[in-house]
Amino acid sequence: MTGIRVQTVRPDDFARVTSVVVVPARNEENFIAACLSGLFAQSGTAPAGIVLAVNNTSDDTADVALSLARRADWPMIVVEARYARGGVGRARRLGHAIALRAAPRAGVLLSTDADCLPDPDWQAEMEIALHDAPAVLGRIEVSEQELASFPSLFLLRQREETAFATLAMEFEQLMDPVGPGGIGLNTAGGANLGFQRDAYLAVGGYRSLPSGEDRDIIQRVRAAGLRPVRAETAVVCASMRTAGRAPGGMAEQIVARSAMADCSVDSALLPFDAMVSIHLGRPIATPRLTLSRARTDLPTLKRCVETLRALPGVDARRRHLAGLLPDDPRKRSD
């Protein structure tokens, strides 16, 4: 890190907040006003302190945010940093580190992105879920108006991937030993994540990754024996822009789905034989799932999920899976 600058609005009030929202931002002067306005307008809960972690920015994101916070008289910390590497994961980690120091009473740590619009009750819904859970995955939606402007090929591919992802999620939840309350697939997005303070510290917080820091931390939460949950009523709306900030992020996926060639799908999704093999305790190496492979696997996945629904528990479902791959699954990874 070559330099850091921290500016605070209402620091004494920030020190007393019980919840903090951390927002990484890079060249977001056109989006940050809408995001912050949504955070200022949260209802049904005490105001949260906001940490805006501005990284590697060449525009006026920080100045715009500070002006808005001063006008709203809102407790906010704006930290500006420049990194040689690390990107959004490093910014999110820095923002949380500052939040932990500046708000010692904050038991709730929330995360969203600068191009997202939170529902008016987003913070309250996340706090309710975090009362009993160490970590919470909120719901990330996209603007229907923006979505309607995309080409028909993109919309077709989106529907196809959604069909596979919906069944894959149900498959994982049916196979989850904790029951239907488990998160199933690790589809965590930093645009809508929350942690109890102690749980965040217990797993070492976000890692300084260029992307994927959100799924990485949830994977470590689960590995630590903690049980994250989903909060479907805690909603943020994410931008469908095609010029993104993080490598491998949503913007790159949108561009790929708009191209004519075959494309990969969400990295949380796996080919059907790999899904089965994992639950039989014999995971196989497999290339990243493509949309064409997802189409091929979809009927088999659908039949499997329909069968698993009718079985009484995870043990019975695992016995069913054992009959699906009688041979060595490593021979079926192509």
C-alpha atoms as a PDB file:
ATOM      1  CA  MET A   1       0.000   0.000   0.000  1.00  0.00           C
ATOM      2  CA  THR A   2       1.565   3.270  -1.099  1.00  0.00           C
ATOM      3  CA  GLY A   3      -0.559   5.677   0.932  1.00  0.00           C
ATOM      4  CA  ILE A   4      -3.665   6.047   3.051  1.00  0.00           C
ATOM      5  CA  ARG A   5      -5.871   9.000   3.959  1.00  0.00           C
ATOM      6  CA  VAL A   6      -8.705   8.868   6.494  1.00  0.00           C
ATOM      7  CA  GLN A   7     -11.417  11.507   6.956  1.00  0.00           C
ATOM      8  CA  THR A   8     -14.254  11.180   9.467  1.00  0.00           C
ATOM      9  CA  VAL A   9     -17.644  12.817   9.822  1.00  0.00           C
ATOM     10  CA  ARG A  10     -19.069  12.825  13.381  1.00  0.00           C
ATOM     11  CA  PRO A  11     -16.362  10.570  14.904  1.00  0.00           C
ATOM     12  CA  ASP A  12     -17.889  10.609  18.420  1.00  0.00           C
ATOM     13  CA  ASP A  13     -21.205   9.330  17.081  1.00  0.00           C
ATOM     14  CA  PHE A  14     -19.386   6.749  14.968  1.00  0.00           C
ATOM     15  CA  ALA A  15     -17.756   5.394  18.122  1.00  0.00           C
ATOM     16  CA  ARG A  16     -21.217   4.705  19.608  1.00  0.00           C
ATOM     17  CA  VAL A  17     -22.895   2.891  16.706  1.00  0.00           C
ATOM     18  CA  THR A  18     -23.848  -0.767  17.122  1.00  0.00           C
ATOM     19  CA  SER A  19     -23.781  -1.585  13.388  1.00  0.00           C
ATOM     20  CA  VAL A  20     -21.348  -0.613  10.631  1.00  0.00           C
ATOM     21  CA  VAL A  21     -21.715  -0.892   6.853  1.00  0.00           C
ATOM     22  CA  VAL A  22     -18.471  -1.232   4.886  1.00  0.00           C
ATOM     23  CA  VAL A  23     -18.527  -0.197   1.222  1.00  0.00           C
ATOM     24  CA  PRO A  24     -15.483  -0.634  -1.062  1.00  0.00           C
ATOM     25  CA  ALA A  25     -15.426   1.839  -3.947  1.00  0.00           C
ATOM     26  CA  ARG A  26     -13.241   2.409  -6.981  1.00  0.00           C
ATOM     27  CA  ASN A  27     -14.176   5.114  -9.497  1.00  0.00           C
ATOM     28  CA  GLU A  28     -17.776   5.170  -8.296  1.00  0.00           C
ATOM     29  CA  GLU A  29     -18.615   8.895  -8.359  1.00  0.00           C
ATOM     30  CA  ASN A  30     -21.602   8.171 -10.631  1.00  0.00           C
ATOM     31  CA  PHE A  31     -23.064   5.513  -8.301  1.00  0.00           C
ATOM     32  CA  ILE A  32     -22.038   6.423  -4.778  1.00  0.00           C
ATOM     33  CA  ALA A  33     -24.710   9.078  -4.187  1.00  0.00           C
ATOM     34  CA  ALA A  34     -27.553   6.625  -4.826  1.00  0.00           C
ATOM     35  CA  CYS A  35     -25.918   3.948  -2.653  1.00  0.00           C
ATOM     36  CA  LEU A  36     -25.324   6.297   0.275  1.00  0.00           C
ATOM     37  CA  SER A  37     -28.784   7.828  -0.002  1.00  0.00           C
ATOM     38  CA  GLY A  38     -30.203   4.320   0.355  1.00  0.00           C
ATOM     39  CA  LEU A  39     -28.066   3.693   3.426  1.00  0.00           C
ATOM     40  CA  PHE A  40     -29.058   7.015   4.988  1.00  0.00           C
ATOM     41  CA  ALA A  41     -32.735   6.147   4.465  1.00  0.00           C
ATOM     42  CA  GLN A  42     -32.738   2.780   6.285  1.00  0.00           C
ATOM     43  CA  SER A  43     -35.782   2.312   8.495  1.00  0.00           C
ATOM     44  CA  GLY A  44     -36.716   0.266  11.545  1.00  0.00           C
ATOM     45  CA  THR A  45     -33.284   0.326  13.159  1.00  0.00           C
ATOM     46  CA  ALA A  46     -30.653   2.612  14.661  1.00  0.00           C
ATOM     47  CA  PRO A  47     -28.422   4.423  12.137  1.00  0.00           C
ATOM     48  CA  ALA A  48     -25.296   2.517  11.137  1.00  0.00           C
ATOM     49  CA  GLY A  49     -21.865   4.013  10.784  1.00  0.00           C
ATOM     50  CA  ILE A  50     -20.533   3.802   7.239  1.00  0.00           C
ATOM     51  CA  VAL A  51     -16.940   3.086   6.202  1.00  0.00           C
ATOM     52  CA  LEU A  52     -16.262   3.886   2.553  1.00  0.00           C
ATOM     53  CA  ALA A  53     -13.017   2.187   1.482  1.00  0.00           C
ATOM     54  CA  VAL A  54     -11.959   4.060  -1.652  1.00  0.00           C
ATOM     55  CA  ASN A  55      -9.178   2.216  -3.449  1.00  0.00           C
ATOM     56  CA  ASN A  56      -7.095   3.041  -6.540  1.00  0.00           C
ATOM     57  CA  THR A  57      -9.555   5.721  -7.575  1.00  0.00           C
ATOM     58  CA  SER A  58      -8.924   8.357 -10.233  1.00  0.00           C
ATOM     59  CA  ASP A  59     -12.223  10.230  -9.833  1.00  0.00           C
ATOM     60  CA  ASP A  60     -14.005  12.197  -7.094  1.00  0.00           C
ATOM     61  CA  THR A  61     -15.699   9.299  -5.285  1.00  0.00           C
ATOM     62  CA  ALA A  62     -14.277  10.292  -1.886  1.00  0.00           C
ATOM     63  CA  ASP A  63     -15.159  13.978  -2.197  1.00  0.00           C
ATOM     64  CA  VAL A  64     -18.713  13.203  -3.325  1.00  0.00           C
ATOM     65  CA  ALA A  65     -19.207  10.825  -0.406  1.00  0.00           C
ATOM     66  CA  LEU A  66     -17.817  13.257   2.168  1.00  0.00           C
ATOM     67  CA  SER A  67     -20.026  16.037   0.885  1.00  0.00           C
ATOM     68  CA  LEU A  68     -23.109  13.815   1.154  1.00  0.00           C
ATOM     69  CA  ALA A  69     -22.221  12.663   4.676  1.00  0.00           C
ATOM     70  CA  ARG A  70     -21.661  16.211   5.899  1.00  0.00           C
ATOM     71  CA  ARG A  71     -24.920  17.365   4.360  1.00  0.00           C
ATOM     72  CA  ALA A  72     -26.786  14.462   5.988  1.00  0.00           C
ATOM     73  CA  ASP A  73     -24.793  14.886   9.236  1.00  0.00           C
ATOM     74  CA  TRP A  74     -24.073  11.150   9.126  1.00  0.00           C
ATOM     75  CA  PRO A  75     -21.299   9.254  10.979  1.00  0.00           C
ATOM     76  CA  MET A  76     -18.969   8.147   8.212  1.00  0.00           C
ATOM     77  CA  ILE A  77     -15.309   7.327   7.684  1.00  0.00           C
ATOM     78  CA  VAL A  78     -13.843   7.718   4.211  1.00  0.00           C
ATOM     79  CA  VAL A  79     -10.505   5.983   3.774  1.00  0.00           C
ATOM     80  CA  GLU A  80      -8.534   6.437   0.557  1.00  0.00           C
ATOM     81  CA  ALA A  81      -5.794   3.958  -0.295  1.00  0.00           C
ATOM     82  CA  ARG A  82      -3.748   2.880  -3.281  1.00  0.00           C
ATOM     83  CA  TYR A  83      -2.605  -0.705  -3.656  1.00  0.00           C
ATOM     84  CA  ALA A  84      -0.104  -2.388  -5.926  1.00  0.00           C
ATOM     85  CA  ARG A  85      -2.284  -5.508  -5.664  1.00  0.00           C
ATOM     86  CA  GLY A  86      -5.228  -6.865  -3.704  1.00  0.00           C
ATOM     87  CA  GLY A  87      -8.135  -4.918  -5.136  1.00  0.00           C
ATOM     88  CA  VAL A  88     -11.605  -5.240  -3.656  1.00  0.00           C
ATOM     89  CA  GLY A  89     -10.657  -7.883  -1.091  1.00  0.00           C
ATOM     90  CA  ARG A  90      -7.966  -5.659   0.323  1.00  0.00           C
ATOM     91  CA  ALA A  91     -10.312  -2.666   0.381  1.00  0.00           C
ATOM     92  CA  ARG A  92     -13.017  -4.656   2.139  1.00  0.00           C
ATOM     93  CA  ARG A  93     -10.496  -5.950   4.675  1.00  0.00           C
ATOM     94  CA  LEU A  94      -9.169  -2.442   5.363  1.00  0.00           C
ATOM     95  CA  GLY A  95     -12.686  -1.056   5.736  1.00  0.00           C
ATOM     96  CA  HIS A  96     -13.584  -3.712   8.289  1.00  0.00           C
ATOM     97  CA  ALA A  97     -10.347  -3.189  10.215  1.00  0.00           C
ATOM     98  CA  ILE A  98     -11.115   0.526  10.511  1.00  0.00           C
ATOM     99  CA  ALA A  99     -14.718  -0.213  11.511  1.00  0.00           C
ATOM    100  CA  LEU A 100     -13.599  -2.565  14.274  1.00  0.00           C
ATOM    101  CA  ARG A 101     -11.270   0.051  15.737  1.00  0.00           C
ATOM    102  CA  ALA A 102     -13.510   3.085  15.339  1.00  0.00           C
ATOM    103  CA  ALA A 103     -16.760   1.448  16.521  1.00  0.00           C
ATOM    104  CA  PRO A 104     -15.907  -0.757  19.533  1.00  0.00           C
ATOM    105  CA  ARG A 105     -19.612  -1.269  20.336  1.00  0.00           C
ATOM    106  CA  ALA A 106     -20.518  -2.465  16.857  1.00  0.00           C
ATOM    107  CA  GLY A 107     -21.571  -6.115  17.062  1.00  0.00           C
ATOM    108  CA  VAL A 108     -22.860  -6.154  13.469  1.00  0.00           C
ATOM    109  CA  LEU A 109     -20.599  -5.751  10.419  1.00  0.00           C
ATOM    110  CA  LEU A 110     -22.418  -5.412   7.097  1.00  0.00           C
ATOM    111  CA  SER A 111     -21.020  -5.196   3.591  1.00  0.00           C
ATOM    112  CA  THR A 112     -22.388  -3.898   0.304  1.00  0.00           C
ATOM    113  CA  ASP A 113     -21.004  -2.412  -2.911  1.00  0.00           C
ATOM    114  CA  ALA A 114     -20.972   1.149  -4.157  1.00  0.00           C
ATOM    115  CA  ASP A 115     -23.147   0.359  -7.205  1.00  0.00           C
ATOM    116  CA  CYS A 116     -25.887  -1.284  -5.106  1.00  0.00           C
ATOM    117  CA  LEU A 117     -29.185   0.100  -3.840  1.00  0.00           C
ATOM    118  CA  PRO A 118     -30.357  -1.384  -0.516  1.00  0.00           C
ATOM    119  CA  ASP A 119     -34.053  -1.835   0.218  1.00  0.00           C
ATOM    120  CA  PRO A 120     -35.273   0.520   2.989  1.00  0.00           C
ATOM    121  CA  ASP A 121     -35.378  -2.337   5.527  1.00  0.00           C
ATOM    122  CA  TRP A 122     -32.163  -4.044   4.390  1.00  0.00           C
ATOM    123  CA  GLN A 123     -30.134  -3.190   7.478  1.00  0.00           C
ATOM    124  CA  ALA A 124     -32.946  -4.132   9.872  1.00  0.00           C
ATOM    125  CA  GLU A 125     -33.475  -7.499   8.156  1.00  0.00           C
ATOM    126  CA  MET A 126     -29.759  -8.289   8.247  1.00  0.00           C
ATOM    127  CA  GLU A 127     -29.581  -7.381  11.931  1.00  0.00           C
ATOM    128  CA  ILE A 128     -32.546  -9.644  12.728  1.00  0.00           C
ATOM    129  CA  ALA A 129     -30.857 -12.573  10.955  1.00  0.00           C
ATOM    130  CA  LEU A 130     -27.533 -11.869  12.665  1.00  0.00           C
ATOM    131  CA  HIS A 131     -29.154 -12.028  16.093  1.00  0.00           C
ATOM    132  CA  ASP A 132     -28.952 -15.835  15.917  1.00  0.00           C
ATOM    133  CA  ALA A 133     -26.441 -16.510  13.123  1.00  0.00           C
ATOM    134  CA  PRO A 134     -22.696 -15.822  12.871  1.00  0.00           C
ATOM    135  CA  ALA A 135     -22.895 -14.815   9.213  1.00  0.00           C
ATOM    136  CA  VAL A 136     -25.720 -13.936   6.853  1.00  0.00           C
ATOM    137  CA  LEU A 137     -25.989 -14.000   3.070  1.00  0.00           C
ATOM    138  CA  GLY A 138     -28.524 -11.411   1.965  1.00  0.00           C
ATOM    139  CA  ARG A 139     -30.364 -11.479  -1.340  1.00  0.00           C
ATOM    140  CA  ILE A 140     -28.841  -9.753  -4.379  1.00  0.00           C
ATOM    141  CA  GLU A 141     -31.275  -8.812  -7.129  1.00  0.00           C
ATOM    142  CA  VAL A 142     -30.825  -6.966 -10.395  1.00  0.00           C
ATOM    143  CA  SER A 143     -32.874  -4.176 -11.871  1.00  0.00           C
ATOM    144  CA  GLU A 144     -35.635  -5.556 -14.097  1.00  0.00           C
ATOM    145  CA  GLN A 145     -35.518  -2.345 -16.115  1.00  0.00           C
ATOM    146  CA  GLU A 146     -31.786  -2.755 -16.770  1.00  0.00           C
ATOM    147  CA  LEU A 147     -32.202  -6.460 -17.490  1.00  0.00           C
ATOM    148  CA  ALA A 148     -34.840  -5.793 -20.145  1.00  0.00           C
ATOM    149  CA  SER A 149     -32.330  -3.764 -22.162  1.00  0.00           C
ATOM    150  CA  PHE A 150     -29.948  -6.703 -22.660  1.00  0.00           C
ATOM    151  CA  PRO A 151     -29.865  -8.748 -25.889  1.00  0.00           C
ATOM    152  CA  SER A 152     -32.062 -11.816 -26.232  1.00  0.00           C
ATOM    153  CA  LEU A 153     -29.057 -14.172 -26.233  1.00  0.00           C
ATOM    154  CA  PHE A 154     -28.030 -12.887 -22.808  1.00  0.00           C
ATOM    155  CA  LEU A 155     -31.560 -13.262 -21.431  1.00  0.00           C
ATOM    156  CA  LEU A 156     -31.813 -16.825 -22.778  1.00  0.00           C
ATOM    157  CA  ARG A 157     -28.501 -17.802 -21.209  1.00  0.00           C
ATOM    158  CA  GLN A 158     -29.496 -16.145 -17.958  1.00  0.00           C
ATOM    159  CA  ARG A 159     -32.686 -18.224 -17.820  1.00  0.00           C
ATOM    160  CA  GLU A 160     -30.778 -21.417 -18.606  1.00  0.00           C
ATOM    161  CA  GLU A 161     -28.190 -20.806 -15.909  1.00  0.00           C
ATOM    162  CA  THR A 162     -30.885 -19.835 -13.407  1.00  0.00           C
ATOM    163  CA  ALA A 163     -32.737 -23.107 -14.086  1.00  0.00           C
ATOM    164  CA  PHE A 164     -29.594 -25.122 -13.366  1.00  0.00           C
ATOM    165  CA  ALA A 165     -28.597 -22.988 -10.371  1.00  0.00           C
ATOM    166  CA  THR A 166     -32.039 -23.302  -8.770  1.00  0.00           C
ATOM    167  CA  LEU A 167     -31.909 -27.095  -8.915  1.00  0.00           C
ATOM    168  CA  ALA A 168     -28.258 -27.181  -7.825  1.00  0.00           C
ATOM    169  CA  MET A 169     -29.136 -25.056  -4.802  1.00  0.00           C
ATOM    170  CA  GLU A 170     -31.981 -27.405  -3.842  1.00  0.00           C
ATOM    171  CA  PHE A 171     -29.694 -30.415  -4.334  1.00  0.00           C
ATOM    172  CA  GLU A 172     -27.115 -28.959  -1.938  1.00  0.00           C
ATOM    173  CA  GLN A 173     -29.729 -28.020   0.644  1.00  0.00           C
ATOM    174  CA  LEU A 174     -31.252 -31.513   0.490  1.00  0.00           C
ATOM    175  CA  MET A 175     -27.797 -32.965   1.074  1.00  0.00           C
ATOM    176  CA  ASP A 176     -26.859 -30.495   3.822  1.00  0.00           C
ATOM    177  CA  PRO A 177     -26.613 -32.248   7.223  1.00  0.00           C
ATOM    178  CA  VAL A 178     -27.889 -29.105   8.980  1.00  0.00           C
ATOM    179  CA  GLY A 179     -31.176 -29.407   7.132  1.00  0.00           C
ATOM    180  CA  PRO A 180     -33.098 -27.056   4.844  1.00  0.00           C
ATOM    181  CA  GLY A 181     -31.876 -24.039   6.820  1.00  0.00           C
ATOM    182  CA  GLY A 182     -28.355 -24.471   5.421  1.00  0.00           C
ATOM    183  CA  ILE A 183     -27.102 -22.102   2.753  1.00  0.00           C
ATOM    184  CA  GLY A 184     -26.611 -24.890   0.209  1.00  0.00           C
ATOM    185  CA  LEU A 185     -24.301 -23.501  -2.461  1.00  0.00           C
ATOM    186  CA  ASN A 186     -21.772 -20.908  -1.384  1.00  0.00           C
ATOM    187  CA  THR A 187     -23.043 -18.080  -3.576  1.00  0.00           C
ATOM    188  CA  ALA A 188     -21.900 -15.365  -1.155  1.00  0.00           C
ATOM    189  CA  GLY A 189     -21.602 -11.883  -2.620  1.00  0.00           C
ATOM    190  CA  GLY A 190     -19.843  -9.029  -0.850  1.00  0.00           C
ATOM    191  CA  ALA A 191     -22.646  -6.816  -2.138  1.00  0.00           C
ATOM    192  CA  ASN A 192     -24.823  -8.278   0.626  1.00  0.00           C
ATOM    193  CA  LEU A 193     -23.019 -10.005   3.480  1.00  0.00           C
ATOM    194  CA  GLY A 194     -23.092  -9.605   7.240  1.00  0.00           C
ATOM    195  CA  PHE A 195     -21.197 -10.940  10.249  1.00  0.00           C
ATOM    196  CA  GLN A 196     -21.385 -10.943  13.983  1.00  0.00           C
ATOM    197  CA  ARG A 197     -18.268  -9.178  15.201  1.00  0.00           C
ATOM    198  CA  ASP A 198     -16.933 -12.223  17.076  1.00  0.00           C
ATOM    199  CA  ALA A 199     -17.466 -14.558  14.108  1.00  0.00           C
ATOM    200  CA  TYR A 200     -15.686 -12.177  11.745  1.00  0.00           C
ATOM    201  CA  LEU A 201     -12.687 -12.003  14.060  1.00  0.00           C
ATOM    202  CA  ALA A 202     -12.709 -15.756  14.692  1.00  0.00           C
ATOM    203  CA  VAL A 203     -12.086 -16.586  11.024  1.00  0.00           C
ATOM    204  CA  GLY A 204      -9.574 -13.805  10.430  1.00  0.00           C
ATOM    205  CA  GLY A 205     -11.798 -11.512   8.385  1.00  0.00           C
ATOM    206  CA  TYR A 206     -11.695 -10.886   4.656  1.00  0.00           C
ATOM    207  CA  ARG A 207      -8.524 -11.813   2.824  1.00  0.00           C
ATOM    208  CA  SER A 208      -6.720  -9.385   0.507  1.00  0.00           C
ATOM    209  CA  LEU A 209      -7.842 -11.073  -2.721  1.00  0.00           C
ATOM    210  CA  PRO A 210      -8.395  -9.348  -6.083  1.00  0.00           C
ATOM    211  CA  SER A 211     -11.826 -11.030  -6.206  1.00  0.00           C
ATOM    212  CA  GLY A 212     -13.669 -13.922  -4.557  1.00  0.00           C
ATOM    213  CA  GLU A 213     -13.020 -12.611  -1.052  1.00  0.00           C
ATOM    214  CA  ASP A 214     -16.718 -13.012  -0.255  1.00  0.00           C
ATOM    215  CA  ARG A 215     -16.979 -16.738  -0.984  1.00  0.00           C
ATOM    216  CA  ASP A 216     -13.579 -17.320   0.569  1.00  0.00           C
ATOM    217  CA  ILE A 217     -14.664 -15.956   3.953  1.00  0.00           C
ATOM    218  CA  ILE A 218     -17.943 -17.900   3.953  1.00  0.00           C
ATOM    219  CA  GLN A 219     -16.014 -21.063   3.126  1.00  0.00           C
ATOM    220  CA  ARG A 220     -13.821 -20.404   6.175  1.00  0.00           C
ATOM    221  CA  VAL A 221     -16.875 -19.694   8.332  1.00  0.00           C
ATOM    222  CA  ARG A 222     -18.289 -23.103   7.428  1.00  0.00           C
ATOM    223  CA  ALA A 223     -14.912 -24.810   7.873  1.00  0.00           C
ATOM    224  CA  ALA A 224     -14.770 -23.353  11.393  1.00  0.00           C
ATOM    225  CA  GLY A 225     -17.984 -25.191  12.258  1.00  0.00           C
ATOM    226  CA  LEU A 226     -20.112 -22.042  12.205  1.00  0.00           C
ATOM    227  CA  ARG A 227     -23.459 -22.018  10.424  1.00  0.00           C
ATOM    228  CA  PRO A 228     -24.200 -19.103   8.107  1.00  0.00           C
ATOM    229  CA  VAL A 229     -27.796 -18.537   7.018  1.00  0.00           C
ATOM    230  CA  ARG A 230     -29.612 -16.795   4.202  1.00  0.00           C
ATOM    231  CA  ALA A 231     -31.816 -13.742   4.680  1.00  0.00           C
ATOM    232  CA  GLU A 232     -34.030 -13.625   1.598  1.00  0.00           C
ATOM    233  CA  THR A 233     -35.862 -10.568   2.947  1.00  0.00           C
ATOM    234  CA  ALA A 234     -32.641  -8.513   3.165  1.00  0.00           C
ATOM    235  CA  VAL A 235     -32.346  -7.230  -0.403  1.00  0.00           C
ATOM    236  CA  VAL A 236     -29.962  -5.045  -2.362  1.00  0.00           C
ATOM    237  CA  CYS A 237     -30.303  -4.275  -6.061  1.00  0.00           C
ATOM    238  CA  ALA A 238     -27.018  -4.531  -7.988  1.00  0.00           C
ATOM    239  CA  SER A 239     -26.088  -2.709 -11.171  1.00  0.00           C
ATOM    240  CA  MET A 240     -25.978  -4.651 -14.441  1.00  0.00           C
ATOM    241  CA  ARG A 241     -23.106  -2.605 -15.829  1.00  0.00           C
ATOM    242  CA  THR A 242     -20.652  -4.256 -18.227  1.00  0.00           C
ATOM    243  CA  ALA A 243     -17.599  -2.233 -17.149  1.00  0.00           C
ATOM    244  CA  GLY A 244     -16.691  -3.727 -13.803  1.00  0.00           C
ATOM    245  CA  ARG A 245     -14.030  -3.103 -11.173  1.00  0.00           C
ATOM    246  CA  ALA A 246     -12.976  -6.606 -10.009  1.00  0.00           C
ATOM    247  CA  PRO A 247     -11.519  -9.345 -12.255  1.00  0.00           C
ATOM    248  CA  GLY A 248     -13.953 -12.236 -12.564  1.00  0.00           C
ATOM    249  CA  GLY A 249     -16.791 -10.148 -11.150  1.00  0.00           C
ATOM    250  CA  MET A 250     -20.384  -9.748 -12.273  1.00  0.00           C
ATOM    251  CA  ALA A 251     -19.518  -7.386 -15.139  1.00  0.00           C
ATOM    252  CA  GLU A 252     -17.232  -9.970 -16.760  1.00  0.00           C
ATOM    253  CA  GLN A 253     -19.957 -12.602 -16.433  1.00  0.00           C
ATOM    254  CA  ILE A 254     -22.443 -10.281 -18.120  1.00  0.00           C
ATOM    255  CA  VAL A 255     -20.077  -9.707 -21.052  1.00  0.00           C
ATOM    256  CA  ALA A 256     -19.462 -13.472 -21.393  1.00  0.00           C
ATOM    257  CA  ARG A 257     -23.189 -14.228 -21.458  1.00  0.00           C
ATOM    258  CA  SER A 258     -23.669 -11.681 -24.232  1.00  0.00           C
ATOM    259  CA  ALA A 259     -21.103 -13.350 -26.527  1.00  0.00           C
ATOM    260  CA  MET A 260     -21.917 -16.010 -29.144  1.00  0.00           C
ATOM    261  CA  ALA A 261     -19.390 -18.595 -27.944  1.00  0.00           C
ATOM    262  CA  ASP A 262     -20.019 -20.994 -25.076  1.00  0.00           C
ATOM    263  CA  CYS A 263     -19.402 -19.419 -21.675  1.00  0.00           C
ATOM    264  CA  SER A 264     -18.665 -20.510 -18.138  1.00  0.00           C
ATOM    265  CA  VAL A 265     -21.303 -20.089 -15.437  1.00  0.00           C
ATOM    266  CA  ASP A 266     -21.154 -19.077 -11.789  1.00  0.00           C
ATOM    267  CA  SER A 267     -18.085 -20.638 -10.160  1.00  0.00           C
ATOM    268  CA  ALA A 268     -20.285 -22.042  -7.365  1.00  0.00           C
ATOM    269  CA  LEU A 269     -21.865 -24.434  -9.894  1.00  0.00           C
ATOM    270  CA  LEU A 270     -20.317 -27.802 -10.787  1.00  0.00           C
ATOM    271  CA  PRO A 271     -21.057 -30.566 -13.308  1.00  0.00           C
ATOM    272  CA  PHE A 272     -23.540 -33.112 -11.996  1.00  0.00           C
ATOM    273  CA  ASP A 273     -21.040 -35.959 -11.542  1.00  0.00           C
ATOM    274  CA  ALA A 274     -18.769 -33.670  -9.528  1.00  0.00           C
ATOM    275  CA  MET A 275     -21.694 -32.655  -7.299  1.00  0.00           C
ATOM    276  CA  VAL A 276     -22.511 -36.287  -6.608  1.00  0.00           C
ATOM    277  CA  SER A 277     -18.896 -37.321  -6.052  1.00  0.00           C
ATOM    278  CA  ILE A 278     -18.342 -34.651  -3.407  1.00  0.00           C
ATOM    279  CA  HIS A 279     -21.213 -36.000  -1.330  1.00  0.00           C
ATOM    280  CA  LEU A 280     -19.851 -39.528  -1.664  1.00  0.00           C
ATOM    281  CA  GLY A 281     -16.543 -38.400  -0.186  1.00  0.00           C
ATOM    282  CA  ARG A 282     -14.577 -38.860  -3.389  1.00  0.00           C
ATOM    283  CA  PRO A 283     -14.314 -35.438  -5.061  1.00  0.00           C
ATOM    284  CA  ILE A 284     -12.974 -35.318  -8.590  1.00  0.00           C
ATOM    285  CA  ALA A 285     -11.009 -32.712 -10.463  1.00  0.00           C
ATOM    286  CA  THR A 286     -13.257 -31.104 -13.035  1.00  0.00           C
ATOM    287  CA  PRO A 287     -13.059 -28.155 -15.414  1.00  0.00           C
ATOM    288  CA  ARG A 288     -15.232 -25.146 -14.702  1.00  0.00           C
ATOM    289  CA  LEU A 289     -18.846 -25.739 -15.663  1.00  0.00           C
ATOM    290  CA  THR A 290     -19.885 -24.259 -18.995  1.00  0.00           C
ATOM    291  CA  LEU A 291     -23.376 -23.365 -20.095  1.00  0.00           C
ATOM    292  CA  SER A 292     -23.423 -26.142 -22.701  1.00  0.00           C
ATOM    293  CA  ARG A 293     -22.486 -28.719 -20.041  1.00  0.00           C
ATOM    294  CA  ALA A 294     -25.136 -27.300 -17.728  1.00  0.00           C
ATOM    295  CA  ARG A 295     -27.737 -27.817 -20.469  1.00  0.00           C
ATOM    296  CA  THR A 296     -26.604 -31.427 -20.877  1.00  0.00           C
ATOM    297  CA  ASP A 297     -26.654 -32.117 -17.140  1.00  0.00           C
ATOM    298  CA  LEU A 298     -29.929 -30.331 -16.388  1.00  0.00           C
ATOM    299  CA  PRO A 299     -32.354 -33.250 -17.067  1.00  0.00           C
ATOM    300  CA  THR A 300     -30.256 -35.617 -14.932  1.00  0.00           C
ATOM    301  CA  LEU A 301     -30.017 -33.087 -12.131  1.00  0.00           C
ATOM    302  CA  LYS A 302     -33.760 -32.506 -12.259  1.00  0.00           C
ATOM    303  CA  ARG A 303     -34.555 -36.230 -11.990  1.00  0.00           C
ATOM    304  CA  CYS A 304     -32.110 -36.595  -9.116  1.00  0.00           C
ATOM    305  CA  VAL A 305     -33.576 -33.688  -7.145  1.00  0.00           C
ATOM    306  CA  GLU A 306     -37.091 -35.042  -7.634  1.00  0.00           C
ATOM    307  CA  THR A 307     -35.967 -38.363  -6.165  1.00  0.00           C
ATOM    308  CA  LEU A 308     -34.071 -36.779  -3.278  1.00  0.00           C
ATOM    309  CA  ARG A 309     -37.144 -34.769  -2.267  1.00  0.00           C
ATOM    310  CA  ALA A 310     -39.044 -38.001  -1.619  1.00  0.00           C
ATOM    311  CA  LEU A 311     -36.340 -39.591   0.540  1.00  0.00           C
ATOM    312  CA  PRO A 312     -36.513 -39.199   4.343  1.00  0.00           C
ATOM    313  CA  GLY A 313     -33.040 -37.892   5.186  1.00  0.00           C
ATOM    314  CA  VAL A 314     -29.454 -37.258   4.173  1.00  0.00           C
ATOM    315  CA  ASP A 315     -28.333 -40.865   4.725  1.00  0.00           C
ATOM    316  CA  ALA A 316     -31.047 -42.219   2.431  1.00  0.00           C
ATOM    317  CA  ARG A 317     -30.231 -39.556  -0.133  1.00  0.00           C
ATOM    318  CA  ARG A 318     -26.533 -40.412  -0.001  1.00  0.00           C
ATOM    319  CA  ARG A 319     -27.352 -44.073  -0.626  1.00  0.00           C
ATOM    320  CA  HIS A 320     -29.300 -43.012  -3.700  1.00  0.00           C
ATOM    321  CA  LEU A 321     -26.344 -40.983  -4.956  1.00  0.00           C
ATOM    322  CA  ALA A 322     -24.040 -43.964  -4.456  1.00  0.00           C
ATOM    323  CA  GLY A 323     -26.058 -45.848  -7.066  1.00  0.00           C
ATOM    324  CA  LEU A 324     -25.661 -43.101  -9.641  1.00  0.00           C
ATOM    325  CA  LEU A 325     -21.893 -43.414 -10.051  1.00  0.00           C
ATOM    326  CA  PRO A 326     -21.089 -47.129  -9.719  1.00  0.00           C
ATOM    327  CA  ASP A 327     -17.773 -46.773 -11.524  1.00  0.00           C
ATOM    328  CA  ASP A 328     -14.753 -44.674 -10.551  1.00  0.00           C
ATOM    329  CA  PRO A 329     -15.963 -41.069 -10.896  1.00  0.00           C
ATOM    330  CA  ARG A 330     -12.487 -39.942 -11.963  1.00  0.00           C
ATOM    331  CA  LYS A 331     -13.153 -41.629 -15.291  1.00  0.00           C
ATOM    332  CA  ARG A 332     -16.193 -39.378 -15.820  1.00  0.00           C
ATOM    333  CA  SER A 333     -14.703 -35.940 -15.309  1.00  0.00           C
ATOM    334  CA  ASP A 334     -14.621 -34.945 -18.957  1.00  0.00           C
END
